[in-house]
PDB file of N, CA and C in Angstrom:
ATOM      1  N   MET A   1      10.307 -49.725  44.617  1.00  0.00           N
ATOM      2  CA  MET A   1      11.479 -50.144  43.864  1.00  0.00           C
ATOM      3  C   MET A   1      11.099 -51.170  42.794  1.00  0.00           C
ATOM      4  N   LYS A   2      10.219 -52.105  43.178  1.00  0.00           N
ATOM      5  CA  LYS A   2       9.788 -53.128  42.232  1.00  0.00           C
ATOM      6  C   LYS A   2       8.999 -52.511  41.085  1.00  0.00           C
ATOM      7  N   ALA A   3       8.224 -51.481  41.391  1.00  0.00           N
ATOM      8  CA  ALA A   3       7.404 -50.843  40.356  1.00  0.00           C
ATOM      9  C   ALA A   3       8.291 -50.147  39.316  1.00  0.00           C
ATOM     10  N   LYS A   4       9.351 -49.487  39.779  1.00  0.00           N
ATOM     11  CA  LYS A   4      10.255 -48.823  38.841  1.00  0.00           C
ATOM     12  C   LYS A   4      10.975 -49.845  37.971  1.00  0.00           C
ATOM     13  N   LEU A   5      11.408 -50.925  38.581  1.00  0.00           N
ATOM     14  CA  LEU A   5      12.091 -51.974  37.837  1.00  0.00           C
ATOM     15  C   LEU A   5      11.154 -52.617  36.817  1.00  0.00           C
ATOM     16  N   LEU A   6       9.907 -52.858  37.243  1.00  0.00           N
ATOM     17  CA  LEU A   6       8.924 -53.448  36.336  1.00  0.00           C
ATOM     18  C   LEU A   6       8.628 -52.505  35.169  1.00  0.00           C
ATOM     19  N   LYS A   7       8.502 -51.198  35.450  1.00  0.00           N
ATOM     20  CA  LYS A   7       8.252 -50.225  34.376  1.00  0.00           C
ATOM     21  C   LYS A   7       9.435 -50.166  33.411  1.00  0.00           C
ATOM     22  N   ALA A   8      10.647 -50.209  33.937  1.00  0.00           N
ATOM     23  CA  ALA A   8      11.830 -50.169  33.087  1.00  0.00           C
ATOM     24  C   ALA A   8      11.903 -51.416  32.208  1.00  0.00           C
ATOM     25  N   LEU A   9      11.616 -52.583  32.788  1.00  0.00           N
ATOM     26  CA  LEU A   9      11.640 -53.821  32.008  1.00  0.00           C
ATOM     27  C   LEU A   9      10.559 -53.826  30.939  1.00  0.00           C
ATOM     28  N   MET A  10       9.375 -53.314  31.267  1.00  0.00           N
ATOM     29  CA  MET A  10       8.288 -53.250  30.289  1.00  0.00           C
ATOM     30  C   MET A  10       8.633 -52.279  29.163  1.00  0.00           C
ATOM     31  N   ALA A  11       9.288 -51.166  29.497  1.00  0.00           N
ATOM     32  CA  ALA A  11       9.689 -50.210  28.470  1.00  0.00           C
ATOM     33  C   ALA A  11      10.733 -50.839  27.552  1.00  0.00           C
ATOM     34  N   LEU A  12      11.691 -51.546  28.125  1.00  0.00           N
ATOM     35  CA  LEU A  12      12.698 -52.216  27.312  1.00  0.00           C
ATOM     36  C   LEU A  12      12.078 -53.311  26.446  1.00  0.00           C
ATOM     37  N   PHE A  13      11.136 -54.052  27.011  1.00  0.00           N
ATOM     38  CA  PHE A  13      10.456 -55.092  26.237  1.00  0.00           C
ATOM     39  C   PHE A  13       9.647 -54.470  25.099  1.00  0.00           C
ATOM     40  N   GLY A  14       8.982 -53.349  25.364  1.00  0.00           N
ATOM     41  CA  GLY A  14       8.200 -52.672  24.332  1.00  0.00           C
ATOM     42  C   GLY A  14       9.086 -52.146  23.209  1.00  0.00           C
ATOM     43  N   ALA A  15      10.224 -51.569  23.576  1.00  0.00           N
ATOM     44  CA  ALA A  15      11.153 -51.062  22.562  1.00  0.00           C
ATOM     45  C   ALA A  15      11.712 -52.214  21.732  1.00  0.00           C
ATOM     46  N   ASN A  16      12.012 -53.319  22.395  1.00  0.00           N
ATOM     47  CA  ASN A  16      12.522 -54.489  21.690  1.00  0.00           C
ATOM     48  C   ASN A  16      11.468 -55.060  20.741  1.00  0.00           C
ATOM     49  N   ALA A  17      10.229 -55.107  21.196  1.00  0.00           N
ATOM     50  CA  ALA A  17       9.144 -55.609  20.347  1.00  0.00           C
ATOM     51  C   ALA A  17       8.927 -54.688  19.149  1.00  0.00           C
ATOM     52  N   LEU A  18       8.999 -53.386  19.380  1.00  0.00           N
ATOM     53  CA  LEU A  18       8.833 -52.429  18.284  1.00  0.00           C
ATOM     54  C   LEU A  18       9.946 -52.592  17.248  1.00  0.00           C
ATOM     55  N   LEU A  19      11.173 -52.715  17.700  1.00  0.00           N
ATOM     56  CA  LEU A  19      12.284 -52.918  16.775  1.00  0.00           C
ATOM     57  C   LEU A  19      12.165 -54.242  16.027  1.00  0.00           C
ATOM     58  N   PHE A  20      11.679 -55.266  16.710  1.00  0.00           N
ATOM     59  CA  PHE A  20      11.479 -56.553  16.051  1.00  0.00           C
ATOM     60  C   PHE A  20      10.475 -56.428  14.916  1.00  0.00           C
ATOM     61  N   VAL A  21       9.364 -55.753  15.165  1.00  0.00           N
ATOM     62  CA  VAL A  21       8.333 -55.581  14.139  1.00  0.00           C
ATOM     63  C   VAL A  21       8.879 -54.771  12.966  1.00  0.00           C
ATOM     64  N   VAL A  22       9.611 -53.709  13.260  1.00  0.00           N
ATOM     65  CA  VAL A  22      10.161 -52.864  12.192  1.00  0.00           C
ATOM     66  C   VAL A  22      11.098 -53.669  11.304  1.00  0.00           C
ATOM     67  N   PHE A  23      12.003 -54.416  11.879  1.00  0.00           N
ATOM     68  CA  PHE A  23      12.976 -55.136  11.074  1.00  0.00           C
ATOM     69  C   PHE A  23      12.419 -56.439  10.496  1.00  0.00           C
ATOM     70  N   PHE A  24      11.457 -57.073  11.167  1.00  0.00           N
ATOM     71  CA  PHE A  24      10.864 -58.303  10.649  1.00  0.00           C
ATOM     72  C   PHE A  24      10.101 -58.029   9.360  1.00  0.00           C
ATOM     73  N   PHE A  25       9.338 -56.956   9.344  1.00  0.00           N
ATOM     74  CA  PHE A  25       8.562 -56.600   8.157  1.00  0.00           C
ATOM     75  C   PHE A  25       9.313 -55.647   7.235  1.00  0.00           C
ATOM     76  N   ASP A  26      10.571 -55.382   7.495  1.00  0.00           N
ATOM     77  CA  ASP A  26      11.434 -54.530   6.675  1.00  0.00           C
ATOM     78  C   ASP A  26      10.805 -53.146   6.475  1.00  0.00           C
ATOM     79  N   LEU A  27      10.239 -52.613   7.531  1.00  0.00           N
ATOM     80  CA  LEU A  27       9.590 -51.314   7.434  1.00  0.00           C
ATOM     81  C   LEU A  27      10.587 -50.190   7.215  1.00  0.00           C
ATOM     82  N   ASP A  28      11.803 -50.366   7.701  1.00  0.00           N
ATOM     83  CA  ASP A  28      12.812 -49.336   7.470  1.00  0.00           C
ATOM     84  C   ASP A  28      13.203 -49.284   5.997  1.00  0.00           C
ATOM     85  N   GLY A  29      13.351 -50.428   5.374  1.00  0.00           N
ATOM     86  CA  GLY A  29      13.675 -50.467   3.956  1.00  0.00           C
ATOM     87  C   GLY A  29      12.537 -49.946   3.093  1.00  0.00           C
ATOM     88  N   LYS A  30      11.308 -50.277   3.480  1.00  0.00           N
ATOM     89  CA  LYS A  30      10.145 -49.791   2.730  1.00  0.00           C
ATOM     90  C   LYS A  30      10.024 -48.271   2.854  1.00  0.00           C
ATOM     91  N   PHE A  31      10.312 -47.752   4.030  1.00  0.00           N
ATOM     92  CA  PHE A  31      10.290 -46.296   4.207  1.00  0.00           C
ATOM     93  C   PHE A  31      11.334 -45.640   3.316  1.00  0.00           C
ATOM     94  N   LEU A  32      12.547 -46.199   3.310  1.00  0.00           N
ATOM     95  CA  LEU A  32      13.599 -45.619   2.479  1.00  0.00           C
ATOM     96  C   LEU A  32      13.253 -45.698   0.998  1.00  0.00           C
ATOM     97  N   PHE A  33      12.672 -46.822   0.563  1.00  0.00           N
ATOM     98  CA  PHE A  33      12.388 -47.020  -0.853  1.00  0.00           C
ATOM     99  C   PHE A  33      11.183 -46.229  -1.325  1.00  0.00           C
ATOM    100  N   TYR A  34      10.104 -46.182  -0.539  1.00  0.00           N
ATOM    101  CA  TYR A  34       8.863 -45.557  -1.001  1.00  0.00           C
ATOM    102  C   TYR A  34       8.702 -44.098  -0.597  1.00  0.00           C
ATOM    103  N   VAL A  35       9.410 -43.635   0.429  1.00  0.00           N
ATOM    104  CA  VAL A  35       9.223 -42.265   0.916  1.00  0.00           C
ATOM    105  C   VAL A  35      10.495 -41.446   0.735  1.00  0.00           C
ATOM    106  N   TYR A  36      11.576 -41.889   1.329  1.00  0.00           N
ATOM    107  CA  TYR A  36      12.802 -41.089   1.369  1.00  0.00           C
ATOM    108  C   TYR A  36      13.464 -40.969  -0.007  1.00  0.00           C
ATOM    109  N   GLU A  37      13.607 -42.091  -0.720  1.00  0.00           N
ATOM    110  CA  GLU A  37      14.296 -42.054  -2.008  1.00  0.00           C
ATOM    111  C   GLU A  37      13.558 -41.221  -3.053  1.00  0.00           C
ATOM    112  N   PRO A  38      12.232 -41.352  -3.216  1.00  0.00           N
ATOM    113  CA  PRO A  38      11.554 -40.475  -4.185  1.00  0.00           C
ATOM    114  C   PRO A  38      11.659 -38.992  -3.819  1.00  0.00           C
ATOM    115  N   PHE A  39      11.615 -38.695  -2.536  1.00  0.00           N
ATOM    116  CA  PHE A  39      11.756 -37.306  -2.105  1.00  0.00           C
ATOM    117  C   PHE A  39      13.134 -36.773  -2.469  1.00  0.00           C
ATOM    118  N   MET A  40      14.170 -37.569  -2.222  1.00  0.00           N
ATOM    119  CA  MET A  40      15.528 -37.136  -2.534  1.00  0.00           C
ATOM    120  C   MET A  40      15.747 -37.033  -4.043  1.00  0.00           C
ATOM    121  N   LYS A  41      15.182 -37.972  -4.809  1.00  0.00           N
ATOM    122  CA  LYS A  41      15.301 -37.911  -6.261  1.00  0.00           C
ATOM    123  C   LYS A  41      14.654 -36.639  -6.794  1.00  0.00           C
ATOM    124  N   LYS A  42      13.469 -36.339  -6.293  1.00  0.00           N
ATOM    125  CA  LYS A  42      12.780 -35.144  -6.752  1.00  0.00           C
ATOM    126  C   LYS A  42      13.578 -33.896  -6.391  1.00  0.00           C
ATOM    127  N   HIS A  43      14.125 -33.888  -5.209  1.00  0.00           N
ATOM    128  CA  HIS A  43      14.881 -32.722  -4.758  1.00  0.00           C
ATOM    129  C   HIS A  43      16.148 -32.524  -5.579  1.00  0.00           C
ATOM    130  N   TYR A  44      16.917 -33.582  -5.761  1.00  0.00           N
ATOM    131  CA  TYR A  44      18.207 -33.444  -6.422  1.00  0.00           C
ATOM    132  C   TYR A  44      18.102 -33.435  -7.945  1.00  0.00           C
ATOM    133  N   ASP A  45      17.028 -33.966  -8.525  1.00  0.00           N
ATOM    134  CA  ASP A  45      16.867 -33.902  -9.972  1.00  0.00           C
ATOM    135  C   ASP A  45      16.533 -32.500 -10.436  1.00  0.00           C
ATOM    136  N   GLU A  46      15.965 -31.682  -9.568  1.00  0.00           N
ATOM    137  CA  GLU A  46      15.594 -30.323  -9.941  1.00  0.00           C
ATOM    138  C   GLU A  46      16.712 -29.313  -9.690  1.00  0.00           C
ATOM    139  N   MET A  47      17.854 -29.758  -9.180  1.00  0.00           N
ATOM    140  CA  MET A  47      18.962 -28.845  -8.932  1.00  0.00           C
ATOM    141  C   MET A  47      19.600 -28.428 -10.245  1.00  0.00           C
ATOM    142  N   PRO A  48      19.884 -27.144 -10.423  1.00  0.00           N
ATOM    143  CA  PRO A  48      20.584 -26.735 -11.642  1.00  0.00           C
ATOM    144  C   PRO A  48      22.043 -27.185 -11.591  1.00  0.00           C
ATOM    145  N   ARG A  49      22.500 -27.760 -12.679  1.00  0.00           N
ATOM    146  CA  ARG A  49      23.876 -28.245 -12.741  1.00  0.00           C
ATOM    147  C   ARG A  49      24.534 -27.735 -14.013  1.00  0.00           C
ATOM    148  N   LYS A  50      25.823 -27.500 -13.918  1.00  0.00           N
ATOM    149  CA  LYS A  50      26.592 -27.081 -15.078  1.00  0.00           C
ATOM    150  C   LYS A  50      26.999 -28.322 -15.867  1.00  0.00           C
ATOM    151  N   ASP A  51      26.912 -28.255 -17.186  1.00  0.00           N
ATOM    152  CA  ASP A  51      27.306 -29.383 -18.030  1.00  0.00           C
ATOM    153  C   ASP A  51      28.829 -29.468 -18.064  1.00  0.00           C
ATOM    154  N   MET A  52      29.370 -30.494 -17.435  1.00  0.00           N
ATOM    155  CA  MET A  52      30.817 -30.632 -17.324  1.00  0.00           C
ATOM    156  C   MET A  52      31.460 -31.052 -18.642  1.00  0.00           C
ATOM    157  N   THR A  53      30.670 -31.561 -19.588  1.00  0.00           N
ATOM    158  CA  THR A  53      31.247 -32.007 -20.857  1.00  0.00           C
ATOM    159  C   THR A  53      31.536 -30.846 -21.800  1.00  0.00           C
ATOM    160  N   THR A  54      30.981 -29.670 -21.521  1.00  0.00           N
ATOM    161  CA  THR A  54      31.226 -28.529 -22.396  1.00  0.00           C
ATOM    162  C   THR A  54      32.458 -27.729 -21.986  1.00  0.00           C
ATOM    163  N   MET A  55      33.037 -28.039 -20.832  1.00  0.00           N
ATOM    164  CA  MET A  55      34.231 -27.327 -20.375  1.00  0.00           C
ATOM    165  C   MET A  55      35.453 -27.822 -21.135  1.00  0.00           C
ATOM    166  N   PRO A  56      36.345 -26.932 -21.560  1.00  0.00           N
ATOM    167  CA  PRO A  56      37.573 -27.387 -22.218  1.00  0.00           C
ATOM    168  C   PRO A  56      38.490 -28.082 -21.205  1.00  0.00           C
ATOM    169  N   TYR A  57      39.152 -29.116 -21.666  1.00  0.00           N
ATOM    170  CA  TYR A  57      40.048 -29.877 -20.807  1.00  0.00           C
ATOM    171  C   TYR A  57      41.408 -29.202 -20.781  1.00  0.00           C
ATOM    172  N   GLN A  58      41.887 -28.904 -19.583  1.00  0.00           N
ATOM    173  CA  GLN A  58      43.187 -28.271 -19.428  1.00  0.00           C
ATOM    174  C   GLN A  58      44.083 -29.190 -18.601  1.00  0.00           C
ATOM    175  N   ILE A  59      45.189 -29.577 -19.181  1.00  0.00           N
ATOM    176  CA  ILE A  59      46.109 -30.459 -18.470  1.00  0.00           C
ATOM    177  C   ILE A  59      46.876 -29.632 -17.442  1.00  0.00           C
ATOM    178  N   GLY A  60      46.963 -30.146 -16.242  1.00  0.00           N
ATOM    179  CA  GLY A  60      47.750 -29.494 -15.212  1.00  0.00           C
ATOM    180  C   GLY A  60      46.919 -28.738 -14.193  1.00  0.00           C
ATOM    181  N   LYS A  61      45.914 -28.037 -14.628  1.00  0.00           N
ATOM    182  CA  LYS A  61      45.118 -27.286 -13.656  1.00  0.00           C
ATOM    183  C   LYS A  61      43.624 -27.425 -13.992  1.00  0.00           C
ATOM    184  N   PRO A  62      42.960 -28.363 -13.330  1.00  0.00           N
ATOM    185  CA  PRO A  62      41.525 -28.525 -13.573  1.00  0.00           C
ATOM    186  C   PRO A  62      40.742 -27.346 -12.995  1.00  0.00           C
ATOM    187  N   ASN A  63      39.631 -27.040 -13.607  1.00  0.00           N
ATOM    188  CA  ASN A  63      38.797 -25.936 -13.181  1.00  0.00           C
ATOM    189  C   ASN A  63      37.449 -26.506 -12.736  1.00  0.00           C
ATOM    190  N   TYR A  64      37.236 -26.573 -11.444  1.00  0.00           N
ATOM    191  CA  TYR A  64      36.029 -27.144 -10.896  1.00  0.00           C
ATOM    192  C   TYR A  64      35.131 -26.054 -10.321  1.00  0.00           C
ATOM    193  N   GLU A  65      34.663 -25.167 -11.127  1.00  0.00           N
ATOM    194  CA  GLU A  65      33.760 -24.117 -10.656  1.00  0.00           C
ATOM    195  C   GLU A  65      32.328 -24.538 -10.948  1.00  0.00           C
ATOM    196  N   TYR A  66      31.480 -24.395  -9.969  1.00  0.00           N
ATOM    197  CA  TYR A  66      30.103 -24.825 -10.090  1.00  0.00           C
ATOM    198  C   TYR A  66      29.130 -23.646 -10.015  1.00  0.00           C
ATOM    199  N   ASP A  67      29.539 -22.492 -10.466  1.00  0.00           N
ATOM    200  CA  ASP A  67      28.648 -21.344 -10.467  1.00  0.00           C
ATOM    201  C   ASP A  67      27.637 -21.522 -11.586  1.00  0.00           C
ATOM    202  N   VAL A  68      26.382 -21.630 -11.207  1.00  0.00           N
ATOM    203  CA  VAL A  68      25.323 -21.849 -12.193  1.00  0.00           C
ATOM    204  C   VAL A  68      24.625 -20.554 -12.473  1.00  0.00           C
TER     205      VAL A  68
END
């Protein structure tokens, strides 16, 4: 029983230490800024988009079709 309790406490302490290191050194923010954001920018910048400024403006019934 003591061994299971000790293992559980050590696992909780290890998880807490890992989270402390991640947030102390702002590793989550660095991951988002250096890895995730450039990947998303590259992905979404290459998407074909319709130029919304060339559509005629119609009062009363907007036309939001995105067929490219």
